[in-house]
Amino acid sequence: MGILLFKSGMLRFLAEKVFRYRREVIIENLSRAFPEKSHKEIRAISHRFYRHFFAVFTEVIKSQGMGPEEVRKHFQLQNPELIIQLHEQGVNVIVMGGHWGNWEWITLSPLFFNFSTYTLYKPLSSKIAENLMSRVRSRFGLKLLPMQQAGRYILSRKDYPALYYFIGDQSPSHKDPQYCFNFLNQPSFFFTGGAKLAQATHAAVVYQSIRKIKPGYYLVTYQTISLPGDGMRIRDILSEYARLLENDIREQPENWLWSHKRWKNKPEKVIEQIGVG
């Protein structure tokens, strides 16, 4: 791991200082999210982000050579019993997470559960890249479910109950003001698929936090957002998800994916303000 992290540091230096990979996008996103911070503070977070971003891919490479015991040292689940108890009650579980911490290491999750775990993903156009990604993500038993097929598959109850991972913090294509929230000081849309499927299939929704303890080591905690029959609407679920994710980002801002164009869709209005708790 130490050797790999050293190499990732070299790549980070080239990306940040030489090629300036998405530098303008990163600085703009950080400045909009944290208007109270000085330019010096924004630059410092940006520097730490580059370091974390390349470490994530280093950790993915390292995980391909890990055995189950080593995985459990690097990727610890604080309260897996929350998921296990819901499964034992015969409830589908939809876990909603974000691009925070090492989101790619959800591929390690099947080692902690004795039932089916899926992740939704968008298939790549390159067959070579698609095959490589599939091998990497399925090594420990995670099942890949293309986004276009997810709704029909889950509703079919072919594998019930099961655990489904949704990463819902990228910019969606819709501009429905009903699902727009003030997130990191910006009017933000969120993917609605996870919340809608939870309502349709009477599934529980759980938030997943992947907190970085030190390079190569993460602590995962789960927190219930909604349970079947509790009366929460789709909007309520998304609002709570956004609030929990923002809390995590504010605690460790460098560990979120600032290089993507999160706020490219401009809403006409924001219906509700969310807090940061």
Protein backbone atom coordinates (compact mmCIF):
# COMPACT_ATOMS: atom_id res chain seq x y z
CA MET A 1 0.00 0.00 0.00
CA GLY A 2 2.83 2.39 0.87
CA ILE A 3 4.48 1.92 -2.53
CA LEU A 4 1.18 2.38 -4.33
CA LEU A 5 0.38 5.54 -2.38
CA PHE A 6 3.83 6.91 -3.27
CA LYS A 7 3.10 6.32 -6.95
CA SER A 8 -0.33 7.91 -6.60
CA GLY A 9 1.41 10.94 -5.10
CA MET A 10 3.50 11.26 -8.24
CA LEU A 11 0.36 11.08 -10.38
CA ARG A 12 -1.32 13.63 -8.12
CA PHE A 13 1.59 16.03 -8.60
CA LEU A 14 1.40 15.75 -12.39
CA ALA A 15 -2.39 16.16 -12.44
CA GLU A 16 -2.47 19.07 -10.02
CA LYS A 17 0.69 21.03 -10.85
CA VAL A 18 1.48 20.15 -14.46
CA PHE A 19 -1.74 19.26 -16.27
CA ARG A 20 -4.03 21.04 -13.80
CA TYR A 21 -6.70 18.38 -14.21
CA ARG A 22 -10.13 20.05 -13.94
CA ARG A 23 -8.60 22.70 -11.72
CA GLU A 24 -11.12 25.40 -12.65
CA VAL A 25 -14.08 23.09 -11.99
CA ILE A 26 -12.69 22.04 -8.60
CA ILE A 27 -11.95 25.59 -7.44
CA GLU A 28 -15.31 26.87 -8.67
CA ASN A 29 -17.24 24.07 -6.95
CA LEU A 30 -15.40 24.57 -3.67
CA SER A 31 -15.83 28.34 -3.78
CA ARG A 32 -19.57 28.05 -4.37
CA ALA A 33 -20.01 25.41 -1.68
CA PHE A 34 -17.98 27.29 0.94
CA PRO A 35 -18.38 31.04 0.31
CA GLU A 36 -17.24 31.73 3.88
CA LYS A 37 -13.76 30.31 3.24
CA SER A 38 -10.81 32.35 2.03
CA HIS A 39 -9.02 31.70 -1.26
CA LYS A 40 -6.13 30.19 0.70
CA GLU A 41 -8.47 27.76 2.47
CA ILE A 42 -10.10 26.77 -0.84
CA ARG A 43 -6.69 26.09 -2.38
CA ALA A 44 -5.74 23.95 0.62
CA ILE A 45 -8.91 21.83 0.32
CA SER A 46 -8.29 21.52 -3.41
CA HIS A 47 -4.77 20.22 -2.77
CA ARG A 48 -6.03 17.64 -0.29
CA PHE A 49 -8.76 16.63 -2.75
CA TYR A 50 -6.21 15.81 -5.47
CA ARG A 51 -4.31 13.68 -2.97
CA HIS A 52 -7.44 11.80 -1.92
CA PHE A 53 -8.75 11.41 -5.49
CA PHE A 54 -5.67 9.56 -6.68
CA ALA A 55 -5.44 7.58 -3.45
CA VAL A 56 -8.93 6.19 -4.14
CA PHE A 57 -7.79 4.60 -7.39
CA THR A 58 -4.63 3.32 -5.71
CA GLU A 59 -6.80 1.69 -3.04
CA VAL A 60 -8.98 0.06 -5.71
CA ILE A 61 -5.85 -1.47 -7.27
CA LYS A 62 -4.63 -2.64 -3.88
CA SER A 63 -7.96 -4.25 -3.06
CA GLN A 64 -7.58 -6.63 -6.00
CA GLY A 65 -4.75 -8.33 -4.16
CA MET A 66 -6.36 -8.36 -0.72
CA GLY A 67 -7.77 -11.40 1.00
CA PRO A 68 -10.94 -11.24 3.12
CA GLU A 69 -9.07 -10.75 6.41
CA GLU A 70 -7.00 -7.87 5.05
CA VAL A 71 -10.13 -6.28 3.60
CA ARG A 72 -11.74 -6.27 7.03
CA LYS A 73 -8.76 -4.35 8.42
CA HIS A 74 -8.97 -1.64 5.78
CA PHE A 75 -12.75 -1.45 5.39
CA GLN A 76 -14.61 -1.76 8.67
CA LEU A 77 -18.39 -1.78 9.10
CA GLN A 78 -19.41 -0.22 12.38
CA ASN A 79 -23.03 -1.41 12.47
CA PRO A 80 -23.72 -4.09 9.82
CA GLU A 81 -26.40 -5.47 12.14
CA LEU A 82 -28.74 -2.70 10.95
CA ILE A 83 -28.71 -4.15 7.43
CA ILE A 84 -28.79 -7.75 8.66
CA GLN A 85 -31.83 -7.17 10.88
CA LEU A 86 -33.79 -5.58 8.04
CA HIS A 87 -32.91 -8.50 5.79
CA GLU A 88 -34.06 -10.99 8.44
CA GLN A 89 -37.38 -9.14 8.58
CA GLY A 90 -37.82 -9.84 4.85
CA VAL A 91 -37.25 -6.25 3.74
CA ASN A 92 -35.39 -5.07 0.66
CA VAL A 93 -32.73 -2.52 1.63
CA ILE A 94 -31.76 0.38 -0.60
CA VAL A 95 -28.53 1.98 0.57
CA MET A 96 -27.97 5.54 -0.62
CA GLY A 97 -24.44 6.86 -0.55
CA GLY A 98 -22.38 9.54 -2.23
CA HIS A 99 -19.00 10.07 -3.87
CA TRP A 100 -17.43 10.60 -0.46
CA GLY A 101 -14.65 8.60 1.13
CA ASN A 102 -13.82 5.63 -1.08
CA TRP A 103 -17.14 5.03 -2.81
CA GLU A 104 -15.51 2.40 -5.05
CA TRP A 105 -14.95 0.15 -2.04
CA ILE A 106 -18.61 -0.72 -1.79
CA THR A 107 -17.34 -3.63 -3.91
CA LEU A 108 -15.98 -5.05 -0.65
CA SER A 109 -19.38 -5.06 1.08
CA PRO A 110 -20.46 -8.61 0.12
CA LEU A 111 -17.80 -9.96 2.47
CA PHE A 112 -19.89 -8.73 5.39
CA PHE A 113 -23.28 -10.12 4.34
CA ASN A 114 -24.52 -13.61 3.46
CA PHE A 115 -27.18 -12.41 1.01
CA SER A 116 -27.17 -10.80 -2.42
CA THR A 117 -25.77 -7.29 -2.79
CA TYR A 118 -26.11 -5.21 -5.94
CA THR A 119 -24.83 -1.89 -7.18
CA LEU A 120 -26.46 0.16 -9.90
CA TYR A 121 -24.13 1.39 -12.61
CA LYS A 122 -24.07 2.90 -16.07
CA PRO A 123 -22.46 0.51 -18.60
CA LEU A 124 -19.42 1.91 -20.41
CA SER A 125 -19.28 2.26 -24.18
CA SER A 126 -15.87 0.56 -24.36
CA LYS A 127 -16.18 -3.20 -24.12
CA ILE A 128 -12.62 -3.52 -22.80
CA ALA A 129 -13.23 -0.96 -20.05
CA GLU A 130 -16.62 -2.53 -19.28
CA ASN A 131 -15.11 -6.01 -18.86
CA LEU A 132 -12.30 -4.67 -16.68
CA MET A 133 -14.70 -2.73 -14.47
CA SER A 134 -16.97 -5.75 -14.13
CA ARG A 135 -14.08 -7.97 -12.98
CA VAL A 136 -12.84 -5.40 -10.48
CA ARG A 137 -16.26 -4.65 -9.00
CA SER A 138 -17.48 -8.24 -8.83
CA ARG A 139 -14.35 -9.83 -7.33
CA PHE A 140 -15.87 -10.14 -3.84
CA GLY A 141 -19.36 -11.05 -5.03
CA LEU A 142 -21.00 -7.68 -5.74
CA LYS A 143 -23.58 -8.03 -8.50
CA LEU A 144 -23.78 -5.31 -11.16
CA LEU A 145 -27.21 -4.06 -12.19
CA PRO A 146 -27.44 -1.68 -15.18
CA MET A 147 -29.44 1.42 -14.30
CA GLN A 148 -31.85 0.92 -17.19
CA GLN A 149 -32.81 -2.53 -15.88
CA ALA A 150 -32.81 -1.81 -12.15
CA GLY A 151 -36.42 -0.75 -11.72
CA ARG A 152 -37.87 -3.71 -13.59
CA TYR A 153 -35.51 -6.17 -11.85
CA ILE A 154 -36.21 -4.97 -8.31
CA LEU A 155 -39.95 -4.83 -8.93
CA SER A 156 -39.85 -8.39 -10.28
CA ARG A 157 -38.75 -9.60 -6.81
CA LYS A 158 -36.52 -12.21 -8.46
CA ASP A 159 -33.98 -11.92 -5.65
CA TYR A 160 -35.87 -10.93 -2.52
CA PRO A 161 -34.93 -9.59 -0.09
CA ALA A 162 -31.61 -8.14 -1.20
CA LEU A 163 -29.34 -5.13 -0.73
CA TYR A 164 -29.04 -2.45 -3.42
CA TYR A 165 -26.46 0.36 -3.49
CA PHE A 166 -27.37 3.69 -5.09
CA ILE A 167 -24.89 6.55 -5.53
CA GLY A 168 -27.24 9.50 -5.90
CA ASP A 169 -25.23 12.73 -5.68
CA GLN A 170 -24.32 13.35 -9.31
CA SER A 171 -26.24 15.82 -11.42
CA PRO A 172 -29.35 14.11 -12.90
CA SER A 173 -30.94 15.00 -16.21
CA HIS A 174 -34.29 16.04 -14.74
CA LYS A 175 -35.10 19.58 -13.59
CA ASP A 176 -38.14 18.83 -11.44
CA PRO A 177 -38.30 21.56 -8.76
CA GLN A 178 -40.04 19.08 -6.46
CA TYR A 179 -36.68 17.34 -6.03
CA CYS A 180 -34.44 20.37 -5.75
CA PHE A 181 -32.75 21.23 -2.44
CA ASN A 182 -30.29 23.74 -1.10
CA PHE A 183 -27.23 21.50 -0.90
CA LEU A 184 -23.82 22.98 -0.08
CA ASN A 185 -25.23 26.48 -0.61
CA GLN A 186 -26.36 25.56 -4.12
CA PRO A 187 -29.82 24.67 -5.50
CA SER A 188 -29.24 21.01 -6.35
CA PHE A 189 -31.20 18.26 -8.06
CA PHE A 190 -30.85 14.65 -6.96
CA PHE A 191 -31.47 11.30 -8.59
CA THR A 192 -34.91 10.09 -7.55
CA GLY A 193 -34.62 6.43 -8.57
CA GLY A 194 -33.61 5.01 -5.20
CA ALA A 195 -36.37 6.78 -3.27
CA LYS A 196 -39.01 5.97 -5.87
CA LEU A 197 -38.08 2.29 -5.97
CA ALA A 198 -38.13 2.16 -2.18
CA GLN A 199 -41.68 3.46 -2.20
CA ALA A 200 -42.75 1.10 -4.99
CA THR A 201 -41.22 -2.01 -3.41
CA HIS A 202 -41.80 -1.15 0.27
CA ALA A 203 -38.06 -1.18 0.87
CA ALA A 204 -36.10 0.41 3.68
CA VAL A 205 -33.75 3.28 2.79
CA VAL A 206 -30.44 3.50 4.63
CA TYR A 207 -27.74 6.16 4.35
CA GLN A 208 -24.15 4.95 4.07
CA SER A 209 -21.22 6.99 5.35
CA ILE A 210 -17.69 5.87 4.32
CA ARG A 211 -15.43 7.91 6.59
CA LYS A 212 -11.71 8.06 5.91
CA ILE A 213 -9.68 7.23 9.03
CA LYS A 214 -6.28 7.41 7.32
CA PRO A 215 -4.96 6.57 3.83
CA GLY A 216 -6.23 3.12 2.92
CA TYR A 217 -8.51 2.77 5.96
CA TYR A 218 -12.25 3.53 6.14
CA LEU A 219 -15.08 3.18 8.65
CA VAL A 220 -18.57 2.53 7.29
CA THR A 221 -21.68 3.44 9.26
CA TYR A 222 -25.33 3.03 8.33
CA GLN A 223 -28.22 5.24 9.35
CA THR A 224 -31.90 4.57 8.68
CA ILE A 225 -33.68 7.17 6.54
CA SER A 226 -37.04 5.47 6.07
CA LEU A 227 -38.82 2.20 6.80
CA PRO A 228 -41.79 0.58 5.02
CA GLY A 229 -45.05 2.16 6.10
CA ASP A 230 -43.54 5.11 7.99
CA GLY A 231 -45.29 7.64 5.75
CA MET A 232 -42.16 9.32 4.37
CA ARG A 233 -42.59 10.74 0.90
CA ILE A 234 -40.01 10.54 -1.87
CA ARG A 235 -39.12 14.17 -1.25
CA ASP A 236 -38.68 13.53 2.49
CA ILE A 237 -36.26 10.68 1.77
CA LEU A 238 -34.17 12.76 -0.62
CA SER A 239 -34.12 15.73 1.74
CA GLU A 240 -32.78 13.60 4.60
CA TYR A 241 -30.25 11.94 2.29
CA ALA A 242 -28.98 15.36 1.15
CA ARG A 243 -28.74 16.58 4.74
CA LEU A 244 -26.72 13.57 5.91
CA LEU A 245 -24.40 13.72 2.91
CA GLU A 246 -23.78 17.44 3.41
CA ASN A 247 -22.89 16.83 7.04
CA ASP A 248 -20.27 14.28 5.97
CA ILE A 249 -18.84 16.55 3.27
CA ARG A 250 -18.50 19.47 5.66
CA GLU A 251 -16.62 17.27 8.10
CA GLN A 252 -14.14 15.98 5.49
CA PRO A 253 -14.58 18.27 2.45
CA GLU A 254 -11.50 17.03 0.60
CA ASN A 255 -13.00 13.54 0.38
CA TRP A 256 -15.91 14.42 -1.93
CA LEU A 257 -15.74 14.30 -5.74
CA TRP A 258 -15.28 18.01 -6.53
CA SER A 259 -14.01 17.40 -10.07
CA HIS A 260 -17.42 16.65 -11.59
CA LYS A 261 -19.79 19.38 -12.78
CA ARG A 262 -22.34 18.92 -10.03
CA TRP A 263 -24.35 22.10 -10.60
CA LYS A 264 -24.65 22.27 -14.38
CA ASN A 265 -28.47 22.16 -14.25
CA LYS A 266 -30.00 25.44 -13.12
CA PRO A 267 -33.36 25.23 -11.32
CA GLU A 268 -35.99 27.92 -11.59
CA LYS A 269 -36.75 27.78 -7.87
CA VAL A 270 -35.94 25.93 -4.68
CA ILE A 271 -38.89 24.62 -2.73
CA GLU A 272 -37.18 23.79 0.55
CA GLN A 273 -34.03 24.70 2.42
CA ILE A 274 -32.19 21.84 4.12
CA GLY A 275 -30.08 22.15 7.22
CA VAL A 276 -26.67 20.74 7.94
CA GLY A 277 -27.49 19.46 11.41
